[in-house]
């Protein structure tokens, strides 16, 4: 299982734009597409798929199999500039217009060879009735694009969105997440208090930097806990967001979600180096070392951590805050901030 999730566009009849002859997809169990579609080669058996039309979600399921074949496809181009982003106008002359503004009576047609795919998710699928709406579903895309019929999405975000209105979809998401807790809204199984170890931080920091990218389960749990964004900057480009440990990684016991943060890669490095700190308190305020004064990072000084209603472990934050102050004193570059708010 590849463990990826996809939002797939299904349109009854032909597409609104006239760049191709349409797709023979059926939202009730099989999604057909070809190699001219972005991400076509990335969909794999076991992936989660959410089928939508222009109004809302039609179905969710897991891919049981993908039939691969060969075929041809008719593609239409603007006769002036050659692009395929064209649209037929019903009540205007000339009848066609391309994205570049050229108008014409008929497009040029070409036949191309394509690899065909038929992703079957019939078993275990749940049919929906257009809700959640398409805009809400597309908001879970990891790299939003109006040009892609197949978009990779944040599965945890989609699960929260869909299960809230359709609890009967829960088994689909449970099978996809495998070892994740059965109730994604329950905090009991992931909010156990974290107890930091006093093992040498420097050695663990170096090891954490080299291992952070491989901690897929930890990162997924953090996305589920905090949402798909950097907790300092608010950045939602998940390709540059990393799972950060508050108290550096020593073993699997340190992978408790309450010992984690989602940070943009550069902010993660600054946090590892104690040039960025988090002052424990009611809002968990961001503090920036004076070594970074006058840089673009100074803008984060005083901002609250974007942790929502489920803040990280207070004990882990306090231990790490003490380390930040120790580094600040060693550099003699910062005045002691006020004590954190009382619990």
C-alpha atoms as a PDB file:
ATOM      1  CA  UNK A   1       0.000   0.000   0.000  1.00  0.00           C
ATOM      2  CA  UNK A   2       1.423   3.363  -0.981  1.00  0.00           C
ATOM      3  CA  UNK A   3      -0.575   5.258   1.611  1.00  0.00           C
ATOM      4  CA  UNK A   4      -1.492   8.222  -0.577  1.00  0.00           C
ATOM      5  CA  UNK A   5      -4.897   9.845  -0.971  1.00  0.00           C
ATOM      6  CA  UNK A   6      -6.427  11.366  -4.094  1.00  0.00           C
ATOM      7  CA  UNK A   7      -9.322  13.615  -5.020  1.00  0.00           C
ATOM      8  CA  UNK A   8     -10.563  12.667  -8.496  1.00  0.00           C
ATOM      9  CA  UNK A   9     -12.818  14.774 -10.704  1.00  0.00           C
ATOM     10  CA  UNK A  10     -15.683  13.025 -12.494  1.00  0.00           C
ATOM     11  CA  UNK A  11     -17.790  15.075 -14.899  1.00  0.00           C
ATOM     12  CA  UNK A  12     -20.990  13.828 -16.500  1.00  0.00           C
ATOM     13  CA  UNK A  13     -20.656  14.232 -20.255  1.00  0.00           C
ATOM     14  CA  UNK A  14     -17.725  16.110 -21.685  1.00  0.00           C
ATOM     15  CA  UNK A  15     -15.535  18.531 -19.843  1.00  0.00           C
ATOM     16  CA  UNK A  16     -16.338  22.203 -19.910  1.00  0.00           C
ATOM     17  CA  UNK A  17     -13.129  22.872 -21.784  1.00  0.00           C
ATOM     18  CA  UNK A  18     -12.771  21.199 -25.163  1.00  0.00           C
ATOM     19  CA  UNK A  19      -9.176  20.068 -25.013  1.00  0.00           C
ATOM     20  CA  UNK A  20     -10.031  16.367 -25.097  1.00  0.00           C
ATOM     21  CA  UNK A  21     -12.886  14.007 -25.870  1.00  0.00           C
ATOM     22  CA  UNK A  22     -13.702  13.362 -22.214  1.00  0.00           C
ATOM     23  CA  UNK A  23     -13.124  10.497 -19.771  1.00  0.00           C
ATOM     24  CA  UNK A  24     -15.124   7.301 -19.468  1.00  0.00           C
ATOM     25  CA  UNK A  25     -15.169   7.358 -15.676  1.00  0.00           C
ATOM     26  CA  UNK A  26     -17.943   5.957 -13.493  1.00  0.00           C
ATOM     27  CA  UNK A  27     -18.100   7.354  -9.947  1.00  0.00           C
ATOM     28  CA  UNK A  28     -19.899   4.222  -8.753  1.00  0.00           C
ATOM     29  CA  UNK A  29     -16.919   1.918  -8.385  1.00  0.00           C
ATOM     30  CA  UNK A  30     -14.423   2.478 -11.207  1.00  0.00           C
ATOM     31  CA  UNK A  31     -12.473   5.587 -12.158  1.00  0.00           C
ATOM     32  CA  UNK A  32     -11.029   5.547 -15.679  1.00  0.00           C
ATOM     33  CA  UNK A  33      -8.283   7.889 -16.787  1.00  0.00           C
ATOM     34  CA  UNK A  34      -5.177   7.893 -18.950  1.00  0.00           C
ATOM     35  CA  UNK A  35      -1.538   8.896 -19.028  1.00  0.00           C
ATOM     36  CA  UNK A  36      -2.292  12.410 -20.239  1.00  0.00           C
ATOM     37  CA  UNK A  37      -3.724  13.168 -16.789  1.00  0.00           C
ATOM     38  CA  UNK A  38      -1.435  14.556 -14.108  1.00  0.00           C
ATOM     39  CA  UNK A  39      -0.663  12.055 -11.296  1.00  0.00           C
ATOM     40  CA  UNK A  40      -1.995   9.177 -13.434  1.00  0.00           C
ATOM     41  CA  UNK A  41       1.110   7.065 -12.815  1.00  0.00           C
ATOM     42  CA  UNK A  42       1.160   7.814  -9.070  1.00  0.00           C
ATOM     43  CA  UNK A  43      -2.138   6.209  -8.055  1.00  0.00           C
ATOM     44  CA  UNK A  44      -1.557   2.758  -6.530  1.00  0.00           C
ATOM     45  CA  UNK A  45      -3.464  -0.181  -5.098  1.00  0.00           C
ATOM     46  CA  UNK A  46      -4.526   0.566  -1.530  1.00  0.00           C
ATOM     47  CA  UNK A  47      -4.687   4.319  -2.014  1.00  0.00           C
ATOM     48  CA  UNK A  48      -7.657   6.274  -0.722  1.00  0.00           C
ATOM     49  CA  UNK A  49      -9.771   7.890  -3.443  1.00  0.00           C
ATOM     50  CA  UNK A  50     -12.487  10.508  -3.102  1.00  0.00           C
ATOM     51  CA  UNK A  51     -14.539  11.026  -6.247  1.00  0.00           C
ATOM     52  CA  UNK A  52     -16.146  14.417  -6.830  1.00  0.00           C
ATOM     53  CA  UNK A  53     -18.003  16.327  -9.492  1.00  0.00           C
ATOM     54  CA  UNK A  54     -18.094  20.113  -9.724  1.00  0.00           C
ATOM     55  CA  UNK A  55     -20.656  20.294  -6.915  1.00  0.00           C
ATOM     56  CA  UNK A  56     -19.489  17.870  -4.241  1.00  0.00           C
ATOM     57  CA  UNK A  57     -18.204  14.439  -3.229  1.00  0.00           C
ATOM     58  CA  UNK A  58     -19.749  11.386  -4.882  1.00  0.00           C
ATOM     59  CA  UNK A  59     -17.902   8.476  -3.243  1.00  0.00           C
ATOM     60  CA  UNK A  60     -14.942   7.436  -1.113  1.00  0.00           C
ATOM     61  CA  UNK A  61     -13.155   4.097  -1.221  1.00  0.00           C
ATOM     62  CA  UNK A  62      -9.863   2.233  -1.397  1.00  0.00           C
ATOM     63  CA  UNK A  63      -8.314   1.136  -4.673  1.00  0.00           C
ATOM     64  CA  UNK A  64      -8.497  -2.678  -4.911  1.00  0.00           C
ATOM     65  CA  UNK A  65      -6.913  -2.959  -8.344  1.00  0.00           C
ATOM     66  CA  UNK A  66      -5.831  -0.935 -11.350  1.00  0.00           C
ATOM     67  CA  UNK A  67      -6.263  -2.345 -14.847  1.00  0.00           C
ATOM     68  CA  UNK A  68      -3.655  -0.965 -17.232  1.00  0.00           C
ATOM     69  CA  UNK A  69      -4.002  -0.992 -21.001  1.00  0.00           C
ATOM     70  CA  UNK A  70      -3.246   0.900 -24.185  1.00  0.00           C
ATOM     71  CA  UNK A  71      -5.490   3.190 -26.141  1.00  0.00           C
ATOM     72  CA  UNK A  72      -5.805   6.359 -28.150  1.00  0.00           C
ATOM     73  CA  UNK A  73      -7.236   9.722 -27.328  1.00  0.00           C
ATOM     74  CA  UNK A  74      -8.434  12.634 -29.382  1.00  0.00           C
ATOM     75  CA  UNK A  75      -6.961  15.936 -28.316  1.00  0.00           C
ATOM     76  CA  UNK A  76      -8.129  19.298 -29.622  1.00  0.00           C
ATOM     77  CA  UNK A  77      -5.908  22.350 -30.005  1.00  0.00           C
ATOM     78  CA  UNK A  78      -6.292  26.001 -30.822  1.00  0.00           C
ATOM     79  CA  UNK A  79      -5.368  26.362 -34.527  1.00  0.00           C
ATOM     80  CA  UNK A  80      -3.635  29.679 -33.779  1.00  0.00           C
ATOM     81  CA  UNK A  81      -1.389  28.987 -30.764  1.00  0.00           C
ATOM     82  CA  UNK A  82      -1.705  25.209 -30.331  1.00  0.00           C
ATOM     83  CA  UNK A  83      -2.751  25.103 -26.667  1.00  0.00           C
ATOM     84  CA  UNK A  84      -5.359  22.587 -25.514  1.00  0.00           C
ATOM     85  CA  UNK A  85      -7.103  24.842 -23.013  1.00  0.00           C
ATOM     86  CA  UNK A  86     -10.063  25.688 -25.220  1.00  0.00           C
ATOM     87  CA  UNK A  87     -13.785  26.065 -24.680  1.00  0.00           C
ATOM     88  CA  UNK A  88     -16.810  25.819 -26.925  1.00  0.00           C
ATOM     89  CA  UNK A  89     -19.225  28.728 -26.615  1.00  0.00           C
ATOM     90  CA  UNK A  90     -22.875  27.897 -27.114  1.00  0.00           C
ATOM     91  CA  UNK A  91     -24.294  31.196 -28.363  1.00  0.00           C
ATOM     92  CA  UNK A  92     -21.363  33.056 -29.859  1.00  0.00           C
ATOM     93  CA  UNK A  93     -19.528  33.195 -33.168  1.00  0.00           C
ATOM     94  CA  UNK A  94     -16.855  31.985 -33.682  1.00  0.00           C
ATOM     95  CA  UNK A  95     -17.899  29.067 -31.525  1.00  0.00           C
ATOM     96  CA  UNK A  96     -14.513  28.353 -29.929  1.00  0.00           C
ATOM     97  CA  UNK A  97     -12.125  30.363 -27.761  1.00  0.00           C
ATOM     98  CA  UNK A  98      -8.762  29.428 -26.225  1.00  0.00           C
ATOM     99  CA  UNK A  99      -7.293  30.594 -22.938  1.00  0.00           C
ATOM    100  CA  UNK A 100      -5.014  32.993 -24.819  1.00  0.00           C
ATOM    101  CA  UNK A 101      -8.042  34.756 -26.301  1.00  0.00           C
ATOM    102  CA  UNK A 102      -7.981  33.396 -29.857  1.00  0.00           C
ATOM    103  CA  UNK A 103     -11.392  32.603 -31.373  1.00  0.00           C
ATOM    104  CA  UNK A 104     -12.019  30.099 -34.165  1.00  0.00           C
ATOM    105  CA  UNK A 105     -14.720  28.052 -35.847  1.00  0.00           C
ATOM    106  CA  UNK A 106     -13.248  24.611 -35.165  1.00  0.00           C
ATOM    107  CA  UNK A 107     -10.215  23.263 -33.285  1.00  0.00           C
ATOM    108  CA  UNK A 108      -7.464  21.147 -34.765  1.00  0.00           C
ATOM    109  CA  UNK A 109      -7.806  17.482 -33.805  1.00  0.00           C
ATOM    110  CA  UNK A 110      -5.005  15.012 -33.167  1.00  0.00           C
ATOM    111  CA  UNK A 111      -4.972  11.404 -32.043  1.00  0.00           C
ATOM    112  CA  UNK A 112      -2.370  10.383 -29.472  1.00  0.00           C
ATOM    113  CA  UNK A 113      -1.402   7.044 -27.936  1.00  0.00           C
ATOM    114  CA  UNK A 114      -2.038   6.807 -24.200  1.00  0.00           C
ATOM    115  CA  UNK A 115      -1.778   4.311 -21.374  1.00  0.00           C
ATOM    116  CA  UNK A 116      -5.229   3.672 -19.952  1.00  0.00           C
ATOM    117  CA  UNK A 117      -6.027   3.037 -16.294  1.00  0.00           C
ATOM    118  CA  UNK A 118      -9.167   1.785 -14.564  1.00  0.00           C
ATOM    119  CA  UNK A 119      -8.969   2.111 -10.777  1.00  0.00           C
ATOM    120  CA  UNK A 120     -11.530  -0.196  -9.142  1.00  0.00           C
ATOM    121  CA  UNK A 121     -12.654   0.773  -5.645  1.00  0.00           C
ATOM    122  CA  UNK A 122     -16.023  -1.033  -5.736  1.00  0.00           C
ATOM    123  CA  UNK A 123     -15.508  -3.188  -2.661  1.00  0.00           C
ATOM    124  CA  UNK A 124     -16.133  -1.219   0.514  1.00  0.00           C
ATOM    125  CA  UNK A 125     -16.896   2.071  -1.201  1.00  0.00           C
ATOM    126  CA  UNK A 126     -19.382   4.502   0.331  1.00  0.00           C
ATOM    127  CA  UNK A 127     -21.528   6.560  -2.029  1.00  0.00           C
ATOM    128  CA  UNK A 128     -22.120  10.166  -1.025  1.00  0.00           C
ATOM    129  CA  UNK A 129     -24.706  12.668  -2.179  1.00  0.00           C
ATOM    130  CA  UNK A 130     -22.585  15.643  -3.126  1.00  0.00           C
ATOM    131  CA  UNK A 131     -21.663  16.587   0.426  1.00  0.00           C
ATOM    132  CA  UNK A 132     -19.210  17.787   1.610  1.00  0.00           C
ATOM    133  CA  UNK A 133     -19.173  20.261  -1.250  1.00  0.00           C
ATOM    134  CA  UNK A 134     -16.412  20.381  -3.834  1.00  0.00           C
ATOM    135  CA  UNK A 135     -14.810  23.541  -2.437  1.00  0.00           C
ATOM    136  CA  UNK A 136     -14.417  22.018   1.026  1.00  0.00           C
ATOM    137  CA  UNK A 137     -13.008  18.801  -0.431  1.00  0.00           C
ATOM    138  CA  UNK A 138     -10.538  20.682  -2.647  1.00  0.00           C
ATOM    139  CA  UNK A 139      -9.330  22.634   0.388  1.00  0.00           C
ATOM    140  CA  UNK A 140      -7.661  19.388   1.537  1.00  0.00           C
ATOM    141  CA  UNK A 141      -5.423  19.303  -1.566  1.00  0.00           C
ATOM    142  CA  UNK A 142      -1.719  19.318  -0.758  1.00  0.00           C
ATOM    143  CA  UNK A 143      -0.801  21.216  -3.950  1.00  0.00           C
ATOM    144  CA  UNK A 144      -4.005  22.882  -5.159  1.00  0.00           C
ATOM    145  CA  UNK A 145      -4.356  23.240  -8.927  1.00  0.00           C
ATOM    146  CA  UNK A 146      -7.394  24.006 -11.041  1.00  0.00           C
ATOM    147  CA  UNK A 147      -5.764  22.114 -13.936  1.00  0.00           C
ATOM    148  CA  UNK A 148      -5.467  18.680 -12.300  1.00  0.00           C
ATOM    149  CA  UNK A 149      -8.293  16.141 -12.414  1.00  0.00           C
ATOM    150  CA  UNK A 150      -6.388  14.001  -9.901  1.00  0.00           C
ATOM    151  CA  UNK A 151      -5.082  15.915  -6.878  1.00  0.00           C
ATOM    152  CA  UNK A 152      -3.170  14.509  -3.909  1.00  0.00           C
ATOM    153  CA  UNK A 153      -4.936  15.368  -0.668  1.00  0.00           C
ATOM    154  CA  UNK A 154      -4.354  15.310   3.083  1.00  0.00           C
ATOM    155  CA  UNK A 155      -6.188  12.150   4.119  1.00  0.00           C
ATOM    156  CA  UNK A 156      -6.500  13.173   7.772  1.00  0.00           C
ATOM    157  CA  UNK A 157      -8.098  16.493   6.829  1.00  0.00           C
ATOM    158  CA  UNK A 158     -10.513  14.756   4.466  1.00  0.00           C
ATOM    159  CA  UNK A 159     -11.410  12.198   7.135  1.00  0.00           C
ATOM    160  CA  UNK A 160     -12.332  14.909   9.620  1.00  0.00           C
ATOM    161  CA  UNK A 161     -14.406  16.657   6.972  1.00  0.00           C
ATOM    162  CA  UNK A 162     -16.301  13.612   5.708  1.00  0.00           C
ATOM    163  CA  UNK A 163     -16.826  11.616   8.903  1.00  0.00           C
ATOM    164  CA  UNK A 164     -18.404  14.630  10.606  1.00  0.00           C
ATOM    165  CA  UNK A 165     -21.366  14.436   8.222  1.00  0.00           C
ATOM    166  CA  UNK A 166     -21.176  10.776   7.165  1.00  0.00           C
ATOM    167  CA  UNK A 167     -20.109   8.536  10.068  1.00  0.00           C
ATOM    168  CA  UNK A 168     -20.696   5.485   7.852  1.00  0.00           C
ATOM    169  CA  UNK A 169     -17.493   6.368   5.985  1.00  0.00           C
ATOM    170  CA  UNK A 170     -15.386   5.750   9.094  1.00  0.00           C
ATOM    171  CA  UNK A 171     -14.484   2.126   8.163  1.00  0.00           C
ATOM    172  CA  UNK A 172     -13.022   3.301   4.843  1.00  0.00           C
ATOM    173  CA  UNK A 173     -10.690   5.719   6.591  1.00  0.00           C
ATOM    174  CA  UNK A 174      -9.861   3.246   9.360  1.00  0.00           C
ATOM    175  CA  UNK A 175      -8.692   0.677   6.806  1.00  0.00           C
ATOM    176  CA  UNK A 176      -6.609   3.332   5.074  1.00  0.00           C
ATOM    177  CA  UNK A 177      -4.975   4.617   8.229  1.00  0.00           C
ATOM    178  CA  UNK A 178      -4.376   1.031   9.420  1.00  0.00           C
ATOM    179  CA  UNK A 179      -2.773   1.426  12.836  1.00  0.00           C
ATOM    180  CA  UNK A 180      -4.156   4.889  13.483  1.00  0.00           C
ATOM    181  CA  UNK A 181      -6.694   5.140  16.337  1.00  0.00           C
ATOM    182  CA  UNK A 182     -10.164   4.040  15.231  1.00  0.00           C
ATOM    183  CA  UNK A 183     -11.835   7.287  16.334  1.00  0.00           C
ATOM    184  CA  UNK A 184      -9.920  10.147  14.746  1.00  0.00           C
ATOM    185  CA  UNK A 185     -11.723  12.624  16.962  1.00  0.00           C
ATOM    186  CA  UNK A 186     -10.781  10.888  20.196  1.00  0.00           C
ATOM    187  CA  UNK A 187      -7.912  12.513  22.088  1.00  0.00           C
ATOM    188  CA  UNK A 188      -7.655   9.906  24.848  1.00  0.00           C
ATOM    189  CA  UNK A 189      -5.283   7.624  22.970  1.00  0.00           C
ATOM    190  CA  UNK A 190      -2.845  10.331  21.855  1.00  0.00           C
ATOM    191  CA  UNK A 191      -2.875  12.830  24.737  1.00  0.00           C
ATOM    192  CA  UNK A 192      -0.939  10.843  27.314  1.00  0.00           C
ATOM    193  CA  UNK A 193       1.503  13.060  29.203  1.00  0.00           C
ATOM    194  CA  UNK A 194       5.039  13.010  27.822  1.00  0.00           C
ATOM    195  CA  UNK A 195       7.976  12.677  30.208  1.00  0.00           C
ATOM    196  CA  UNK A 196      11.254  14.027  28.753  1.00  0.00           C
ATOM    197  CA  UNK A 197      14.476  12.089  29.238  1.00  0.00           C
ATOM    198  CA  UNK A 198      17.647  13.823  30.397  1.00  0.00           C
ATOM    199  CA  UNK A 199      19.894  12.085  27.822  1.00  0.00           C
ATOM    200  CA  UNK A 200      22.364  14.464  26.156  1.00  0.00           C
ATOM    201  CA  UNK A 201      20.368  16.774  23.890  1.00  0.00           C
ATOM    202  CA  UNK A 202      23.147  17.578  21.441  1.00  0.00           C
ATOM    203  CA  UNK A 203      23.605  13.962  20.347  1.00  0.00           C
ATOM    204  CA  UNK A 204      19.885  13.511  19.991  1.00  0.00           C
ATOM    205  CA  UNK A 205      19.509  16.715  17.981  1.00  0.00           C
ATOM    206  CA  UNK A 206      22.059  15.508  15.428  1.00  0.00           C
ATOM    207  CA  UNK A 207      20.329  12.146  15.196  1.00  0.00           C
ATOM    208  CA  UNK A 208      16.917  13.799  14.910  1.00  0.00           C
ATOM    209  CA  UNK A 209      18.000  15.967  11.986  1.00  0.00           C
ATOM    210  CA  UNK A 210      19.060  12.873  10.037  1.00  0.00           C
ATOM    211  CA  UNK A 211      15.978  10.802  10.932  1.00  0.00           C
ATOM    212  CA  UNK A 212      13.125  13.325  10.856  1.00  0.00           C
ATOM    213  CA  UNK A 213      12.055  12.667   7.258  1.00  0.00           C
ATOM    214  CA  UNK A 214      11.511   8.954   7.895  1.00  0.00           C
ATOM    215  CA  UNK A 215       9.035   9.318  10.745  1.00  0.00           C
ATOM    216  CA  UNK A 216       5.892   8.991   8.648  1.00  0.00           C
ATOM    217  CA  UNK A 217       3.596   7.777  11.456  1.00  0.00           C
ATOM    218  CA  UNK A 218       4.723  10.556  13.796  1.00  0.00           C
ATOM    219  CA  UNK A 219       4.165  13.185  11.109  1.00  0.00           C
ATOM    220  CA  UNK A 220       0.734  11.795  10.272  1.00  0.00           C
ATOM    221  CA  UNK A 221      -0.298  11.873  13.936  1.00  0.00           C
ATOM    222  CA  UNK A 222       0.825  15.496  14.162  1.00  0.00           C
ATOM    223  CA  UNK A 223      -1.196  16.446  11.068  1.00  0.00           C
ATOM    224  CA  UNK A 224      -4.184  14.772  12.671  1.00  0.00           C
ATOM    225  CA  UNK A 225      -3.614  16.635  15.946  1.00  0.00           C
ATOM    226  CA  UNK A 226      -2.825  20.131  14.692  1.00  0.00           C
ATOM    227  CA  UNK A 227      -3.968  20.255  11.075  1.00  0.00           C
ATOM    228  CA  UNK A 228      -1.839  20.480   7.931  1.00  0.00           C
ATOM    229  CA  UNK A 229       0.168  23.638   8.582  1.00  0.00           C
ATOM    230  CA  UNK A 230       3.306  25.004  10.235  1.00  0.00           C
ATOM    231  CA  UNK A 231       2.476  25.959  13.826  1.00  0.00           C
ATOM    232  CA  UNK A 232       4.731  29.029  13.712  1.00  0.00           C
ATOM    233  CA  UNK A 233       4.301  30.514  10.235  1.00  0.00           C
ATOM    234  CA  UNK A 234       0.920  29.074   9.239  1.00  0.00           C
ATOM    235  CA  UNK A 235       2.473  27.765   5.983  1.00  0.00           C
ATOM    236  CA  UNK A 236       0.295  25.053   4.401  1.00  0.00           C
ATOM    237  CA  UNK A 237       2.754  23.797   1.753  1.00  0.00           C
ATOM    238  CA  UNK A 238       3.202  20.328   3.230  1.00  0.00           C
ATOM    239  CA  UNK A 239       6.208  19.521   1.024  1.00  0.00           C
ATOM    240  CA  UNK A 240       8.281  21.848   3.252  1.00  0.00           C
ATOM    241  CA  UNK A 241       6.630  21.000   6.585  1.00  0.00           C
ATOM    242  CA  UNK A 242       8.514  18.651   8.916  1.00  0.00           C
ATOM    243  CA  UNK A 243       7.633  16.765  12.074  1.00  0.00           C
ATOM    244  CA  UNK A 244       9.653  18.329  14.908  1.00  0.00           C
ATOM    245  CA  UNK A 245      10.234  16.893  18.371  1.00  0.00           C
ATOM    246  CA  UNK A 246       9.993  19.312  21.279  1.00  0.00           C
ATOM    247  CA  UNK A 247      12.358  17.202  23.362  1.00  0.00           C
ATOM    248  CA  UNK A 248      14.773  15.583  20.869  1.00  0.00           C
ATOM    249  CA  UNK A 249      14.201  12.075  19.578  1.00  0.00           C
ATOM    250  CA  UNK A 250      15.796   9.198  21.486  1.00  0.00           C
ATOM    251  CA  UNK A 251      13.427   6.362  20.686  1.00  0.00           C
ATOM    252  CA  UNK A 252       9.851   5.530  19.833  1.00  0.00           C
ATOM    253  CA  UNK A 253       8.644   6.700  23.259  1.00  0.00           C
ATOM    254  CA  UNK A 254       9.555  10.243  22.190  1.00  0.00           C
ATOM    255  CA  UNK A 255       7.167  10.032  19.229  1.00  0.00           C
ATOM    256  CA  UNK A 256       4.162  10.920  21.395  1.00  0.00           C
ATOM    257  CA  UNK A 257       2.134  13.503  19.433  1.00  0.00           C
ATOM    258  CA  UNK A 258       2.147  15.789  22.489  1.00  0.00           C
ATOM    259  CA  UNK A 259       5.957  15.923  22.098  1.00  0.00           C
ATOM    260  CA  UNK A 260       5.668  17.123  18.517  1.00  0.00           C
ATOM    261  CA  UNK A 261       5.214  20.193  16.362  1.00  0.00           C
ATOM    262  CA  UNK A 262       4.748  20.731  12.637  1.00  0.00           C
ATOM    263  CA  UNK A 263       7.321  23.269  11.476  1.00  0.00           C
ATOM    264  CA  UNK A 264       8.486  24.623   8.150  1.00  0.00           C
ATOM    265  CA  UNK A 265      11.925  23.153   7.430  1.00  0.00           C
ATOM    266  CA  UNK A 266      13.911  26.347   8.097  1.00  0.00           C
ATOM    267  CA  UNK A 267      12.019  27.036  11.318  1.00  0.00           C
ATOM    268  CA  UNK A 268      12.594  23.431  12.390  1.00  0.00           C
ATOM    269  CA  UNK A 269      16.341  23.937  12.046  1.00  0.00           C
ATOM    270  CA  UNK A 270      16.219  27.181  14.038  1.00  0.00           C
ATOM    271  CA  UNK A 271      14.207  25.399  16.726  1.00  0.00           C
ATOM    272  CA  UNK A 272      16.752  22.572  16.868  1.00  0.00           C
ATOM    273  CA  UNK A 273      19.516  25.163  17.306  1.00  0.00           C
ATOM    274  CA  UNK A 274      17.595  27.014  20.044  1.00  0.00           C
ATOM    275  CA  UNK A 275      17.480  30.182  17.970  1.00  0.00           C
ATOM    276  CA  UNK A 276      13.690  29.955  18.060  1.00  0.00           C
ATOM    277  CA  UNK A 277      11.894  29.150  21.274  1.00  0.00           C
ATOM    278  CA  UNK A 278       8.364  28.578  22.529  1.00  0.00           C
ATOM    279  CA  UNK A 279       7.561  30.207  25.871  1.00  0.00           C
ATOM    280  CA  UNK A 280       5.100  28.002  27.783  1.00  0.00           C
ATOM    281  CA  UNK A 281       1.916  29.693  28.871  1.00  0.00           C
ATOM    282  CA  UNK A 282      -1.699  30.150  27.951  1.00  0.00           C
ATOM    283  CA  UNK A 283      -0.886  30.922  24.310  1.00  0.00           C
ATOM    284  CA  UNK A 284       2.615  29.388  24.015  1.00  0.00           C
ATOM    285  CA  UNK A 285       4.318  32.497  22.618  1.00  0.00           C
ATOM    286  CA  UNK A 286       7.037  32.325  19.949  1.00  0.00           C
ATOM    287  CA  UNK A 287      10.368  33.895  20.954  1.00  0.00           C
ATOM    288  CA  UNK A 288      13.220  34.677  18.570  1.00  0.00           C
ATOM    289  CA  UNK A 289      16.875  34.901  19.593  1.00  0.00           C
ATOM    290  CA  UNK A 290      18.408  38.358  19.261  1.00  0.00           C
ATOM    291  CA  UNK A 291      20.949  36.658  17.014  1.00  0.00           C
ATOM    292  CA  UNK A 292      18.157  36.796  14.418  1.00  0.00           C
ATOM    293  CA  UNK A 293      17.241  40.446  15.021  1.00  0.00           C
ATOM    294  CA  UNK A 294      16.800  42.319  11.767  1.00  0.00           C
ATOM    295  CA  UNK A 295      16.191  39.122   9.784  1.00  0.00           C
ATOM    296  CA  UNK A 296      12.956  37.914   8.230  1.00  0.00           C
ATOM    297  CA  UNK A 297      12.464  35.664  11.269  1.00  0.00           C
ATOM    298  CA  UNK A 298      12.006  38.605  13.644  1.00  0.00           C
ATOM    299  CA  UNK A 299       8.411  38.870  12.404  1.00  0.00           C
ATOM    300  CA  UNK A 300       7.482  35.757  14.398  1.00  0.00           C
ATOM    301  CA  UNK A 301       8.481  37.283  17.766  1.00  0.00           C
ATOM    302  CA  UNK A 302       5.517  37.364  20.121  1.00  0.00           C
ATOM    303  CA  UNK A 303       3.152  35.366  17.932  1.00  0.00           C
ATOM    304  CA  UNK A 304       1.089  32.612  19.556  1.00  0.00           C
ATOM    305  CA  UNK A 305       1.751  29.008  18.595  1.00  0.00           C
ATOM    306  CA  UNK A 306      -0.968  27.851  16.173  1.00  0.00           C
ATOM    307  CA  UNK A 307      -1.786  24.695  18.122  1.00  0.00           C
ATOM    308  CA  UNK A 308      -5.530  25.259  18.451  1.00  0.00           C
ATOM    309  CA  UNK A 309      -7.346  23.510  21.292  1.00  0.00           C
ATOM    310  CA  UNK A 310      -4.758  20.755  21.755  1.00  0.00           C
ATOM    311  CA  UNK A 311      -1.461  22.311  22.872  1.00  0.00           C
ATOM    312  CA  UNK A 312       1.724  20.256  23.197  1.00  0.00           C
ATOM    313  CA  UNK A 313       3.018  18.750  26.443  1.00  0.00           C
ATOM    314  CA  UNK A 314       3.615  21.585  28.913  1.00  0.00           C
ATOM    315  CA  UNK A 315       6.428  19.685  30.608  1.00  0.00           C
ATOM    316  CA  UNK A 316       8.238  19.079  27.316  1.00  0.00           C
ATOM    317  CA  UNK A 317       7.797  22.743  26.337  1.00  0.00           C
ATOM    318  CA  UNK A 318       9.149  23.884  29.710  1.00  0.00           C
ATOM    319  CA  UNK A 319      12.227  21.664  29.448  1.00  0.00           C
ATOM    320  CA  UNK A 320      12.903  22.921  25.961  1.00  0.00           C
ATOM    321  CA  UNK A 321      12.252  26.542  26.986  1.00  0.00           C
ATOM    322  CA  UNK A 322      14.843  26.210  29.745  1.00  0.00           C
ATOM    323  CA  UNK A 323      17.338  25.034  27.115  1.00  0.00           C
ATOM    324  CA  UNK A 324      16.480  28.046  24.914  1.00  0.00           C
ATOM    325  CA  UNK A 325      17.133  30.428  27.834  1.00  0.00           C
ATOM    326  CA  UNK A 326      20.408  28.673  28.633  1.00  0.00           C
ATOM    327  CA  UNK A 327      21.592  29.165  25.059  1.00  0.00           C
ATOM    328  CA  UNK A 328      20.427  32.774  25.121  1.00  0.00           C
ATOM    329  CA  UNK A 329      22.424  33.437  28.279  1.00  0.00           C
ATOM    330  CA  UNK A 330      25.488  31.736  26.829  1.00  0.00           C
ATOM    331  CA  UNK A 331      25.310  34.077  23.849  1.00  0.00           C
ATOM    332  CA  UNK A 332      24.428  37.023  26.111  1.00  0.00           C
ATOM    333  CA  UNK A 333      22.004  38.057  23.420  1.00  0.00           C
ATOM    334  CA  UNK A 334      18.620  38.225  25.094  1.00  0.00           C
ATOM    335  CA  UNK A 335      16.911  39.627  28.133  1.00  0.00           C
ATOM    336  CA  UNK A 336      15.150  37.079  30.291  1.00  0.00           C
ATOM    337  CA  UNK A 337      11.480  36.973  29.186  1.00  0.00           C
ATOM    338  CA  UNK A 338       8.741  37.109  31.797  1.00  0.00           C
ATOM    339  CA  UNK A 339       7.805  33.795  33.459  1.00  0.00           C
ATOM    340  CA  UNK A 340       5.136  31.723  31.706  1.00  0.00           C
ATOM    341  CA  UNK A 341       1.521  32.056  32.800  1.00  0.00           C
ATOM    342  CA  UNK A 342       0.435  29.910  35.670  1.00  0.00           C
ATOM    343  CA  UNK A 343      -1.298  26.702  34.667  1.00  0.00           C
END
